[in-house]
N, C-alpha and C. Protein backbone atom coordinates (compact mmCIF):
# COMPACT_ATOMS: atom_id res chain seq x y z
N MET A 1 -77.82 51.82 130.50
CA MET A 1 -77.62 50.47 130.00
C MET A 1 -78.92 49.69 130.12
N LYS A 2 -79.36 49.07 129.06
CA LYS A 2 -80.64 48.36 129.06
C LYS A 2 -80.49 46.95 129.56
N MET A 3 -81.45 46.50 130.34
CA MET A 3 -81.45 45.14 130.86
C MET A 3 -81.95 44.20 129.76
N ARG A 4 -81.10 43.35 129.25
CA ARG A 4 -81.50 42.44 128.19
C ARG A 4 -82.27 41.24 128.73
N SER A 5 -81.84 40.74 129.87
CA SER A 5 -82.54 39.58 130.42
C SER A 5 -82.26 39.50 131.91
N ILE A 6 -83.30 39.44 132.68
CA ILE A 6 -83.12 39.30 134.13
C ILE A 6 -84.16 38.32 134.63
N THR A 7 -83.70 37.32 135.32
CA THR A 7 -84.59 36.26 135.79
C THR A 7 -85.10 36.58 137.18
N ALA A 8 -86.15 35.91 137.57
CA ALA A 8 -86.62 36.04 138.94
C ALA A 8 -85.63 35.39 139.88
N VAL A 9 -85.38 36.01 141.03
CA VAL A 9 -84.45 35.46 142.01
C VAL A 9 -85.11 35.45 143.37
N ILE A 10 -84.50 34.72 144.29
CA ILE A 10 -85.08 34.65 145.62
C ILE A 10 -83.96 34.61 146.64
N ALA A 11 -84.14 35.28 147.74
CA ALA A 11 -83.12 35.34 148.78
C ALA A 11 -83.37 34.28 149.82
N LEU A 12 -82.32 33.54 150.16
CA LEU A 12 -82.44 32.49 151.16
C LEU A 12 -82.93 33.05 152.47
N SER A 13 -82.49 34.25 152.83
CA SER A 13 -82.78 34.77 154.16
C SER A 13 -84.24 35.07 154.36
N ALA A 14 -85.05 34.99 153.33
CA ALA A 14 -86.48 35.19 153.47
C ALA A 14 -87.16 34.02 154.17
N PHE A 15 -86.44 32.88 154.29
CA PHE A 15 -87.03 31.69 154.85
C PHE A 15 -86.31 31.30 156.12
N ALA A 16 -86.91 31.59 157.25
CA ALA A 16 -86.24 31.31 158.53
C ALA A 16 -85.94 29.83 158.70
N SER A 17 -86.80 28.98 158.14
CA SER A 17 -86.62 27.54 158.33
C SER A 17 -85.38 27.03 157.62
N MET A 18 -84.83 27.79 156.67
CA MET A 18 -83.65 27.36 155.96
C MET A 18 -82.38 27.92 156.58
N GLY A 19 -82.52 28.69 157.62
CA GLY A 19 -81.36 29.34 158.22
C GLY A 19 -80.82 28.56 159.39
N ILE A 20 -80.18 29.29 160.31
CA ILE A 20 -79.63 28.69 161.51
C ILE A 20 -80.37 29.22 162.70
N ALA A 21 -79.96 28.83 163.88
CA ALA A 21 -80.61 29.30 165.10
C ALA A 21 -80.54 30.81 165.20
N VAL A 22 -81.57 31.41 165.76
CA VAL A 22 -81.62 32.86 165.88
C VAL A 22 -80.53 33.34 166.81
N ALA A 23 -79.90 34.45 166.47
CA ALA A 23 -78.82 34.99 167.27
C ALA A 23 -79.35 35.56 168.57
N HIS A 24 -78.45 35.81 169.50
CA HIS A 24 -78.85 36.45 170.74
C HIS A 24 -79.39 37.84 170.45
N ALA A 25 -80.28 38.33 171.31
CA ALA A 25 -80.93 39.61 171.09
C ALA A 25 -79.93 40.75 170.99
N ASP A 26 -78.87 40.71 171.80
CA ASP A 26 -77.92 41.81 171.73
C ASP A 26 -77.16 41.82 170.41
N SER A 27 -76.90 40.63 169.85
CA SER A 27 -76.25 40.55 168.54
C SER A 27 -77.14 41.14 167.46
N ARG A 28 -78.44 40.82 167.52
CA ARG A 28 -79.37 41.35 166.53
C ARG A 28 -79.45 42.87 166.63
N SER A 29 -79.47 43.40 167.85
CA SER A 29 -79.57 44.84 168.03
C SER A 29 -78.33 45.53 167.47
N ALA A 30 -77.17 44.94 167.72
CA ALA A 30 -75.93 45.53 167.23
C ALA A 30 -75.92 45.56 165.71
N LEU A 31 -76.46 44.53 165.09
CA LEU A 31 -76.46 44.47 163.63
C LEU A 31 -77.36 45.51 163.01
N ALA A 32 -78.37 45.95 163.72
CA ALA A 32 -79.29 46.96 163.18
C ALA A 32 -78.56 48.25 162.89
N ASP A 33 -77.46 48.53 163.63
CA ASP A 33 -76.72 49.76 163.44
C ASP A 33 -75.38 49.55 162.72
N ALA A 34 -75.07 48.31 162.40
CA ALA A 34 -73.79 48.01 161.75
C ALA A 34 -73.79 48.47 160.30
N GLN A 35 -72.63 48.86 159.82
CA GLN A 35 -72.48 49.19 158.42
C GLN A 35 -72.42 47.91 157.59
N PRO A 36 -72.91 47.94 156.35
CA PRO A 36 -72.83 46.73 155.53
C PRO A 36 -71.42 46.18 155.42
N SER A 37 -70.42 47.05 155.44
CA SER A 37 -69.04 46.60 155.30
C SER A 37 -68.56 45.76 156.49
N ALA A 38 -69.25 45.87 157.64
CA ALA A 38 -68.91 45.02 158.78
C ALA A 38 -69.27 43.57 158.51
N LEU A 39 -70.26 43.35 157.64
CA LEU A 39 -70.71 42.01 157.29
C LEU A 39 -70.09 41.52 156.00
N VAL A 40 -69.79 42.45 155.08
CA VAL A 40 -69.19 42.14 153.79
C VAL A 40 -67.98 43.06 153.65
N PRO A 41 -66.82 42.68 154.14
CA PRO A 41 -65.66 43.57 154.17
C PRO A 41 -65.24 44.15 152.82
N LEU A 42 -65.54 43.46 151.74
CA LEU A 42 -65.18 43.98 150.42
C LEU A 42 -65.82 45.32 150.15
N LEU A 43 -66.99 45.58 150.77
CA LEU A 43 -67.68 46.85 150.56
C LEU A 43 -66.90 48.04 151.09
N ALA A 44 -65.95 47.79 152.01
CA ALA A 44 -65.14 48.86 152.57
C ALA A 44 -63.92 49.18 151.71
N GLU A 45 -63.62 48.32 150.73
CA GLU A 45 -62.47 48.54 149.88
C GLU A 45 -62.74 49.64 148.85
N SER A 46 -61.67 50.33 148.45
CA SER A 46 -61.81 51.35 147.41
C SER A 46 -62.22 50.68 146.10
N ARG A 47 -63.05 51.36 145.38
CA ARG A 47 -63.54 50.80 144.12
C ARG A 47 -62.52 51.03 143.01
N SER A 48 -62.11 49.95 142.39
CA SER A 48 -61.15 50.06 141.29
C SER A 48 -61.81 50.72 140.08
N THR A 49 -61.07 51.59 139.42
CA THR A 49 -61.62 52.29 138.25
C THR A 49 -61.80 51.35 137.06
N ASN A 50 -61.09 50.24 137.07
CA ASN A 50 -61.20 49.30 135.95
C ASN A 50 -61.91 48.00 136.32
N GLN A 51 -62.65 48.01 137.44
CA GLN A 51 -63.36 46.78 137.81
C GLN A 51 -64.51 46.53 136.82
N PRO A 52 -64.78 45.28 136.50
CA PRO A 52 -65.89 44.97 135.62
C PRO A 52 -67.21 45.45 136.22
N VAL A 53 -68.13 45.83 135.39
CA VAL A 53 -69.45 46.27 135.84
C VAL A 53 -70.50 45.37 135.17
N PRO A 54 -71.68 45.22 135.80
CA PRO A 54 -72.72 44.39 135.18
C PRO A 54 -73.06 44.87 133.78
N GLU A 55 -73.21 43.92 132.85
CA GLU A 55 -73.55 44.25 131.46
C GLU A 55 -75.05 44.31 131.24
N LEU A 56 -75.78 43.45 131.92
CA LEU A 56 -77.21 43.32 131.64
C LEU A 56 -78.09 44.15 132.57
N ILE A 57 -77.59 44.46 133.73
CA ILE A 57 -78.40 45.11 134.76
C ILE A 57 -78.01 46.58 134.87
N ASP A 58 -78.95 47.46 134.62
CA ASP A 58 -78.73 48.88 134.80
C ASP A 58 -79.01 49.20 136.27
N LEU A 59 -77.96 49.48 137.02
CA LEU A 59 -78.12 49.71 138.46
C LEU A 59 -79.01 50.90 138.76
N GLU A 60 -79.15 51.82 137.83
CA GLU A 60 -80.03 52.97 138.04
C GLU A 60 -81.50 52.55 138.06
N ASP A 61 -81.80 51.37 137.52
CA ASP A 61 -83.17 50.84 137.55
C ASP A 61 -83.42 49.99 138.78
N THR A 62 -82.45 49.90 139.67
CA THR A 62 -82.59 49.12 140.90
C THR A 62 -82.41 50.07 142.10
N GLU A 63 -82.56 49.53 143.29
CA GLU A 63 -82.35 50.33 144.51
C GLU A 63 -80.93 50.18 145.02
N ILE A 64 -80.09 49.42 144.31
CA ILE A 64 -78.70 49.26 144.73
C ILE A 64 -77.93 50.54 144.42
N LEU A 65 -77.12 50.99 145.35
CA LEU A 65 -76.29 52.17 145.14
C LEU A 65 -75.10 51.78 144.27
N SER A 66 -75.02 52.38 143.10
CA SER A 66 -73.95 52.01 142.17
C SER A 66 -72.57 52.25 142.77
N SER A 67 -72.46 53.26 143.65
CA SER A 67 -71.17 53.55 144.28
C SER A 67 -70.74 52.48 145.25
N SER A 68 -71.68 51.65 145.69
CA SER A 68 -71.38 50.60 146.67
C SER A 68 -70.91 49.29 146.03
N VAL A 69 -71.16 49.14 144.75
CA VAL A 69 -70.94 47.84 144.08
C VAL A 69 -69.45 47.52 143.94
N ARG A 70 -69.09 46.32 144.38
CA ARG A 70 -67.71 45.85 144.26
C ARG A 70 -67.71 44.49 143.56
N TYR A 71 -66.71 44.28 142.72
CA TYR A 71 -66.58 43.04 141.96
C TYR A 71 -65.92 41.99 142.83
N VAL A 72 -66.62 40.86 143.04
CA VAL A 72 -66.06 39.77 143.84
C VAL A 72 -65.13 38.93 142.98
N GLY A 73 -65.55 38.61 141.75
CA GLY A 73 -64.72 37.83 140.86
C GLY A 73 -65.57 37.05 139.88
N ASP A 74 -64.91 36.24 139.09
CA ASP A 74 -65.63 35.42 138.10
C ASP A 74 -65.51 33.96 138.48
N SER A 75 -66.50 33.21 138.07
CA SER A 75 -66.50 31.75 138.24
C SER A 75 -66.65 31.13 136.86
N ASP A 76 -66.67 29.82 136.83
CA ASP A 76 -66.88 29.13 135.54
C ASP A 76 -68.27 29.39 134.99
N LEU A 77 -69.18 29.85 135.86
CA LEU A 77 -70.58 30.04 135.46
C LEU A 77 -70.97 31.50 135.26
N GLY A 78 -70.14 32.42 135.71
CA GLY A 78 -70.53 33.82 135.55
C GLY A 78 -69.63 34.80 136.28
N LYS A 79 -70.14 36.03 136.42
CA LYS A 79 -69.44 37.12 137.12
C LYS A 79 -70.29 37.54 138.31
N HIS A 80 -69.61 38.02 139.36
CA HIS A 80 -70.31 38.21 140.61
C HIS A 80 -69.89 39.52 141.31
N TRP A 81 -70.89 40.22 141.86
CA TRP A 81 -70.67 41.47 142.57
C TRP A 81 -71.42 41.48 143.90
N VAL A 82 -71.01 42.36 144.81
CA VAL A 82 -71.77 42.65 146.02
C VAL A 82 -72.02 44.13 146.09
N GLY A 83 -73.01 44.53 146.88
CA GLY A 83 -73.32 45.94 147.03
C GLY A 83 -74.33 46.12 148.15
N SER A 84 -74.83 47.34 148.29
CA SER A 84 -75.88 47.62 149.27
C SER A 84 -76.83 48.64 148.67
N ASP A 85 -78.05 48.70 149.23
CA ASP A 85 -79.01 49.65 148.69
C ASP A 85 -79.17 50.85 149.63
N ASN A 86 -80.15 51.70 149.33
CA ASN A 86 -80.30 52.93 150.13
C ASN A 86 -80.84 52.69 151.52
N GLU A 87 -81.20 51.44 151.85
CA GLU A 87 -81.59 51.09 153.20
C GLU A 87 -80.53 50.24 153.89
N SER A 88 -79.34 50.21 153.28
CA SER A 88 -78.19 49.46 153.81
C SER A 88 -78.42 47.95 153.85
N ASN A 89 -79.32 47.45 152.99
CA ASN A 89 -79.46 46.00 152.84
C ASN A 89 -78.25 45.45 152.08
N ILE A 90 -77.94 44.20 152.32
CA ILE A 90 -76.85 43.52 151.63
C ILE A 90 -77.37 42.95 150.32
N CYS A 91 -76.61 43.13 149.25
CA CYS A 91 -77.06 42.67 147.92
C CYS A 91 -75.97 41.86 147.22
N VAL A 92 -76.39 40.90 146.42
CA VAL A 92 -75.48 40.16 145.57
C VAL A 92 -76.03 40.20 144.15
N ILE A 93 -75.12 40.33 143.19
CA ILE A 93 -75.47 40.40 141.77
C ILE A 93 -74.69 39.32 141.05
N THR A 94 -75.36 38.56 140.20
CA THR A 94 -74.69 37.56 139.39
C THR A 94 -75.17 37.66 137.96
N GLU A 95 -74.24 37.56 137.03
CA GLU A 95 -74.59 37.46 135.62
C GLU A 95 -73.99 36.18 135.06
N MET A 96 -74.84 35.29 134.57
CA MET A 96 -74.37 34.06 133.97
C MET A 96 -73.70 34.37 132.64
N THR A 97 -72.67 33.62 132.30
CA THR A 97 -71.97 33.84 131.04
C THR A 97 -71.94 32.57 130.22
N ASP A 98 -71.82 32.75 128.91
CA ASP A 98 -71.74 31.59 128.02
C ASP A 98 -70.29 31.14 127.88
N ASP A 99 -70.04 30.20 126.97
CA ASP A 99 -68.70 29.65 126.80
C ASP A 99 -67.69 30.68 126.32
N LEU A 100 -68.18 31.77 125.72
CA LEU A 100 -67.30 32.83 125.23
C LEU A 100 -67.15 33.96 126.24
N GLY A 101 -67.78 33.82 127.39
CA GLY A 101 -67.68 34.84 128.42
C GLY A 101 -68.68 35.97 128.32
N ALA A 102 -69.63 35.85 127.39
CA ALA A 102 -70.65 36.89 127.23
C ALA A 102 -71.79 36.65 128.20
N ALA A 103 -72.26 37.73 128.86
CA ALA A 103 -73.36 37.61 129.81
C ALA A 103 -74.66 37.34 129.07
N ASN A 104 -75.48 36.41 129.59
CA ASN A 104 -76.74 36.12 128.92
C ASN A 104 -77.96 36.22 129.83
N VAL A 105 -77.77 36.24 131.14
CA VAL A 105 -78.87 36.45 132.06
C VAL A 105 -78.30 36.97 133.38
N GLY A 106 -79.03 37.89 134.01
CA GLY A 106 -78.53 38.47 135.25
C GLY A 106 -79.60 38.51 136.31
N GLY A 107 -79.19 38.57 137.57
CA GLY A 107 -80.15 38.62 138.67
C GLY A 107 -79.57 39.31 139.88
N ILE A 108 -80.46 39.75 140.77
CA ILE A 108 -80.09 40.46 141.99
C ILE A 108 -80.89 39.87 143.15
N ALA A 109 -80.28 39.80 144.33
CA ALA A 109 -80.99 39.47 145.56
C ALA A 109 -80.45 40.36 146.66
N CYS A 110 -81.33 40.88 147.51
CA CYS A 110 -80.95 41.73 148.64
C CYS A 110 -81.67 41.25 149.90
N THR A 111 -81.07 41.51 151.04
CA THR A 111 -81.67 41.11 152.31
C THR A 111 -81.21 42.06 153.41
N PRO A 112 -82.02 42.26 154.44
CA PRO A 112 -81.60 43.12 155.57
C PRO A 112 -80.34 42.58 156.24
N ARG A 113 -79.56 43.49 156.84
CA ARG A 113 -78.29 43.10 157.46
C ARG A 113 -78.47 42.05 158.54
N GLU A 114 -79.49 42.20 159.36
CA GLU A 114 -79.71 41.23 160.45
C GLU A 114 -79.96 39.84 159.89
N ASP A 115 -80.79 39.75 158.85
CA ASP A 115 -81.08 38.45 158.24
C ASP A 115 -79.82 37.88 157.59
N PHE A 116 -79.04 38.75 156.94
CA PHE A 116 -77.82 38.28 156.30
C PHE A 116 -76.85 37.71 157.32
N PHE A 117 -76.71 38.38 158.45
CA PHE A 117 -75.82 37.91 159.51
C PHE A 117 -76.26 36.54 160.02
N GLN A 118 -77.56 36.33 160.11
CA GLN A 118 -78.08 35.07 160.64
C GLN A 118 -78.04 33.94 159.61
N ARG A 119 -78.27 34.26 158.34
CA ARG A 119 -78.52 33.18 157.36
C ARG A 119 -77.73 33.28 156.07
N GLY A 120 -76.96 34.35 155.88
CA GLY A 120 -76.31 34.53 154.60
C GLY A 120 -77.31 34.94 153.54
N LEU A 121 -76.88 34.92 152.29
CA LEU A 121 -77.75 35.35 151.18
C LEU A 121 -77.50 34.45 149.98
N THR A 122 -78.58 33.89 149.44
CA THR A 122 -78.48 33.00 148.29
C THR A 122 -79.27 33.55 147.12
N LEU A 123 -78.66 33.50 145.95
CA LEU A 123 -79.32 33.89 144.71
C LEU A 123 -79.29 32.69 143.77
N ARG A 124 -80.46 32.30 143.32
CA ARG A 124 -80.58 31.19 142.34
C ARG A 124 -81.02 31.79 141.02
N LEU A 125 -80.29 31.49 139.98
CA LEU A 125 -80.49 32.15 138.70
C LEU A 125 -80.52 31.11 137.59
N GLU A 126 -81.60 31.07 136.82
CA GLU A 126 -81.67 30.15 135.70
C GLU A 126 -82.64 30.69 134.66
N GLU A 127 -82.49 30.22 133.46
CA GLU A 127 -83.29 30.73 132.35
C GLU A 127 -83.74 29.58 131.46
N GLY A 128 -85.02 29.57 131.15
CA GLY A 128 -85.55 28.61 130.20
C GLY A 128 -85.44 27.16 130.60
N GLY A 129 -85.36 26.89 131.90
CA GLY A 129 -85.30 25.51 132.34
C GLY A 129 -83.96 24.84 132.19
N GLY A 130 -82.95 25.58 131.66
CA GLY A 130 -81.62 25.00 131.51
C GLY A 130 -80.80 25.11 132.77
N GLU A 131 -79.54 24.73 132.67
CA GLU A 131 -78.66 24.81 133.83
C GLU A 131 -78.48 26.25 134.25
N GLY A 132 -78.50 26.49 135.53
CA GLY A 132 -78.34 27.83 136.06
C GLY A 132 -77.21 27.86 137.07
N VAL A 133 -77.23 28.90 137.91
CA VAL A 133 -76.17 29.10 138.89
C VAL A 133 -76.79 29.44 140.24
N VAL A 134 -76.17 28.94 141.31
CA VAL A 134 -76.56 29.28 142.67
C VAL A 134 -75.35 29.96 143.32
N SER A 135 -75.55 31.18 143.82
CA SER A 135 -74.48 31.94 144.48
C SER A 135 -74.84 32.12 145.95
N HIS A 136 -73.95 31.68 146.84
CA HIS A 136 -74.14 31.83 148.28
C HIS A 136 -73.15 32.87 148.80
N LEU A 137 -73.62 34.01 149.27
CA LEU A 137 -72.74 35.01 149.88
C LEU A 137 -72.72 34.78 151.39
N LEU A 138 -71.51 34.66 151.97
CA LEU A 138 -71.38 34.33 153.37
C LEU A 138 -71.10 35.57 154.22
N PRO A 139 -71.63 35.62 155.45
CA PRO A 139 -71.25 36.68 156.39
C PRO A 139 -69.76 36.59 156.70
N SER A 140 -69.18 37.68 157.16
CA SER A 140 -67.73 37.75 157.33
C SER A 140 -67.19 36.75 158.36
N ASP A 141 -68.03 36.27 159.29
CA ASP A 141 -67.55 35.33 160.30
C ASP A 141 -67.68 33.88 159.86
N ALA A 142 -68.22 33.64 158.69
CA ALA A 142 -68.40 32.27 158.19
C ALA A 142 -67.18 31.85 157.39
N LYS A 143 -66.85 30.58 157.49
CA LYS A 143 -65.67 30.05 156.80
C LYS A 143 -66.10 29.13 155.67
N ALA A 144 -65.44 29.27 154.53
CA ALA A 144 -65.76 28.43 153.38
C ALA A 144 -65.54 26.97 153.72
N PRO A 145 -66.39 26.06 153.22
CA PRO A 145 -66.19 24.63 153.50
C PRO A 145 -64.92 24.11 152.88
N GLU A 146 -64.32 23.13 153.53
CA GLU A 146 -63.14 22.48 152.95
C GLU A 146 -63.58 21.63 151.77
N LEU A 147 -62.81 21.72 150.70
CA LEU A 147 -63.16 20.99 149.49
C LEU A 147 -62.27 19.77 149.36
N GLU A 148 -62.87 18.66 148.92
CA GLU A 148 -62.12 17.43 148.79
C GLU A 148 -61.03 17.57 147.72
N GLN A 149 -61.37 18.24 146.64
CA GLN A 149 -60.41 18.52 145.59
C GLN A 149 -60.32 20.02 145.47
N SER A 150 -59.11 20.57 145.65
CA SER A 150 -59.01 22.03 145.64
C SER A 150 -57.77 22.46 144.90
N GLY A 151 -57.80 23.70 144.46
CA GLY A 151 -56.68 24.31 143.80
C GLY A 151 -56.84 25.81 143.89
N THR A 152 -55.81 26.55 143.60
CA THR A 152 -55.92 28.01 143.70
C THR A 152 -55.68 28.62 142.33
N ALA A 153 -56.24 29.80 142.15
CA ALA A 153 -56.08 30.54 140.91
C ALA A 153 -55.75 31.98 141.25
N ALA A 154 -55.46 32.76 140.23
CA ALA A 154 -54.98 34.12 140.45
C ALA A 154 -55.97 34.99 141.17
N ASN A 155 -57.25 34.75 141.00
CA ASN A 155 -58.26 35.60 141.65
C ASN A 155 -58.80 34.95 142.92
N SER A 156 -57.97 34.16 143.58
CA SER A 156 -58.31 33.55 144.87
C SER A 156 -59.53 32.66 144.76
N ARG A 157 -59.60 31.87 143.70
CA ARG A 157 -60.66 30.90 143.55
C ARG A 157 -60.15 29.53 143.93
N HIS A 158 -61.00 28.76 144.56
CA HIS A 158 -60.69 27.38 144.92
C HIS A 158 -61.77 26.51 144.29
N SER A 159 -61.37 25.47 143.60
CA SER A 159 -62.32 24.63 142.89
C SER A 159 -62.38 23.23 143.48
N GLY A 160 -63.58 22.76 143.72
CA GLY A 160 -63.80 21.39 144.11
C GLY A 160 -64.49 20.65 142.99
N GLU A 161 -65.04 19.48 143.28
CA GLU A 161 -65.70 18.72 142.25
C GLU A 161 -66.85 19.49 141.61
N ASP A 162 -67.63 20.19 142.43
CA ASP A 162 -68.82 20.83 141.90
C ASP A 162 -69.08 22.21 142.52
N ILE A 163 -68.09 22.75 143.21
CA ILE A 163 -68.30 24.02 143.89
C ILE A 163 -67.06 24.88 143.73
N GLU A 164 -67.28 26.19 143.56
CA GLU A 164 -66.19 27.15 143.50
C GLU A 164 -66.31 28.10 144.66
N VAL A 165 -65.18 28.46 145.25
CA VAL A 165 -65.13 29.42 146.33
C VAL A 165 -64.35 30.62 145.85
N ILE A 166 -64.99 31.78 145.81
CA ILE A 166 -64.32 33.02 145.41
C ILE A 166 -64.12 33.84 146.68
N GLU A 167 -62.88 34.21 146.97
CA GLU A 167 -62.57 34.98 148.16
C GLU A 167 -61.87 36.27 147.77
N GLN A 168 -62.37 37.36 148.30
CA GLN A 168 -61.83 38.68 147.99
C GLN A 168 -62.00 39.57 149.21
N SER A 169 -60.89 40.03 149.79
CA SER A 169 -60.93 40.93 150.95
C SER A 169 -61.85 40.41 152.06
N ASP A 170 -61.63 39.18 152.47
CA ASP A 170 -62.40 38.54 153.54
C ASP A 170 -63.88 38.43 153.23
N THR A 171 -64.22 38.49 151.96
CA THR A 171 -65.59 38.26 151.50
C THR A 171 -65.61 36.96 150.70
N THR A 172 -66.56 36.08 151.04
CA THR A 172 -66.57 34.74 150.43
C THR A 172 -67.88 34.49 149.72
N LEU A 173 -67.77 34.00 148.49
CA LEU A 173 -68.94 33.63 147.69
C LEU A 173 -68.76 32.18 147.23
N LEU A 174 -69.75 31.35 147.48
CA LEU A 174 -69.75 29.97 146.97
C LEU A 174 -70.62 29.92 145.73
N VAL A 175 -70.13 29.25 144.69
CA VAL A 175 -70.84 29.21 143.40
C VAL A 175 -70.94 27.77 142.94
N LEU A 176 -72.18 27.36 142.60
CA LEU A 176 -72.45 26.03 142.07
C LEU A 176 -73.43 26.14 140.91
N SER A 177 -73.42 25.13 140.05
CA SER A 177 -74.50 25.03 139.08
C SER A 177 -75.77 24.63 139.82
N THR A 178 -76.92 24.91 139.25
CA THR A 178 -78.18 24.52 139.90
C THR A 178 -78.28 23.00 140.04
N ASP A 179 -77.81 22.26 139.02
CA ASP A 179 -77.85 20.81 139.10
C ASP A 179 -77.00 20.31 140.28
N SER A 180 -75.79 20.84 140.39
CA SER A 180 -74.90 20.43 141.47
C SER A 180 -75.47 20.82 142.82
N ALA A 181 -76.05 22.02 142.91
CA ALA A 181 -76.61 22.50 144.17
C ALA A 181 -77.75 21.60 144.63
N ASP A 182 -78.60 21.20 143.68
CA ASP A 182 -79.73 20.34 144.03
C ASP A 182 -79.27 18.95 144.45
N GLN A 183 -78.25 18.43 143.78
CA GLN A 183 -77.72 17.12 144.12
C GLN A 183 -77.00 17.13 145.45
N ARG A 184 -76.28 18.20 145.71
CA ARG A 184 -75.51 18.32 146.96
C ARG A 184 -76.44 18.57 148.14
N GLY A 185 -77.50 19.32 147.94
CA GLY A 185 -78.40 19.69 149.03
C GLY A 185 -77.81 20.80 149.85
N SER A 186 -78.15 20.84 151.13
CA SER A 186 -77.68 21.91 151.99
C SER A 186 -76.17 21.84 152.22
N ILE A 187 -75.56 22.99 152.32
CA ILE A 187 -74.13 23.10 152.61
C ILE A 187 -73.98 23.66 154.01
N GLU A 188 -73.23 22.97 154.87
CA GLU A 188 -73.01 23.44 156.22
C GLU A 188 -71.69 24.18 156.32
N VAL A 189 -71.75 25.39 156.85
CA VAL A 189 -70.59 26.26 156.93
C VAL A 189 -70.33 26.60 158.40
N GLN A 190 -69.10 26.47 158.82
CA GLN A 190 -68.74 26.79 160.20
C GLN A 190 -68.61 28.30 160.40
N ARG A 191 -68.91 28.77 161.63
CA ARG A 191 -68.81 30.19 161.95
C ARG A 191 -67.88 30.37 163.14
N SER A 192 -67.34 31.58 163.25
CA SER A 192 -66.45 31.88 164.37
C SER A 192 -67.19 32.57 165.51
N THR A 193 -68.49 32.76 165.38
CA THR A 193 -69.29 33.38 166.42
C THR A 193 -70.08 32.31 167.17
N GLU A 194 -70.91 32.75 168.12
CA GLU A 194 -71.70 31.83 168.92
C GLU A 194 -72.83 31.20 168.15
N LEU A 195 -73.00 31.59 166.89
CA LEU A 195 -74.14 31.09 166.12
C LEU A 195 -73.96 29.65 165.63
N GLY A 196 -72.75 29.12 165.70
CA GLY A 196 -72.55 27.74 165.28
C GLY A 196 -72.51 27.59 163.77
N GLU A 197 -73.27 26.63 163.23
CA GLU A 197 -73.21 26.37 161.80
C GLU A 197 -74.21 27.23 161.01
N LEU A 198 -73.82 27.52 159.78
CA LEU A 198 -74.71 28.18 158.84
C LEU A 198 -75.09 27.15 157.80
N LYS A 199 -76.38 26.91 157.61
CA LYS A 199 -76.83 25.91 156.65
C LYS A 199 -77.40 26.61 155.43
N LEU A 200 -76.79 26.38 154.28
CA LEU A 200 -77.20 27.02 153.03
C LEU A 200 -78.02 26.04 152.21
N SER A 201 -79.16 26.50 151.71
CA SER A 201 -80.04 25.64 150.92
C SER A 201 -79.90 25.99 149.44
N PRO A 202 -80.03 24.99 148.57
CA PRO A 202 -79.96 25.28 147.12
C PRO A 202 -81.23 25.88 146.57
N LEU A 203 -82.30 26.00 147.42
CA LEU A 203 -83.59 26.51 146.94
C LEU A 203 -84.08 25.71 145.77
N THR A 204 -84.29 24.44 145.97
CA THR A 204 -84.70 23.52 144.91
C THR A 204 -85.96 24.00 144.20
N GLY A 205 -85.90 23.93 142.90
CA GLY A 205 -87.07 24.33 142.10
C GLY A 205 -86.69 25.42 141.12
N SER A 206 -87.33 25.43 139.98
CA SER A 206 -87.02 26.42 138.94
C SER A 206 -87.73 27.72 139.23
N LEU A 207 -87.01 28.81 139.19
CA LEU A 207 -87.56 30.14 139.38
C LEU A 207 -87.45 30.90 138.07
N ARG A 208 -88.54 31.44 137.59
CA ARG A 208 -88.52 32.16 136.33
C ARG A 208 -89.14 33.52 136.51
């Protein structure tokens, strides 16, 4: 499958200043040997034979293991997957879709397990200076923020004024438009571990 359009992306976990306090040394050591599915439980689920697959991104041209890819769900802005590569890094894939549901731009971001546990993983995707999408993948111990206006849908989506929460097998993805992400600024997410809050940044600025 040929890649029709793929934008430059950046992983939040590359910037320590945008993350949270560093975990205890024993937690970091344990994460070095943990399986990706311990951090992203959806990766442990059996892969459905009829799950959607990326249209624009040929996984054979990436380091992501195609057998690891699992479909998280769709949002108003696109379709979303998680996976891991041959070094057991955590990866997120997003393809933006138009009003008819056709994919028009796709992107990938990956980060080491230890960094993902500490800071989560953010992918910012936009094309031609127009509205784009920001996808925040949360570690398994992080809880989605409470939304002022919420509702549920068949694929476990919750919608607020400007944010969507997609939940699948204890795996949580937050999705916003780039405009909404920049206006909202950082999102603080509570954790069930000793790490306290997880602060997610919108990565302000256009990436091409």
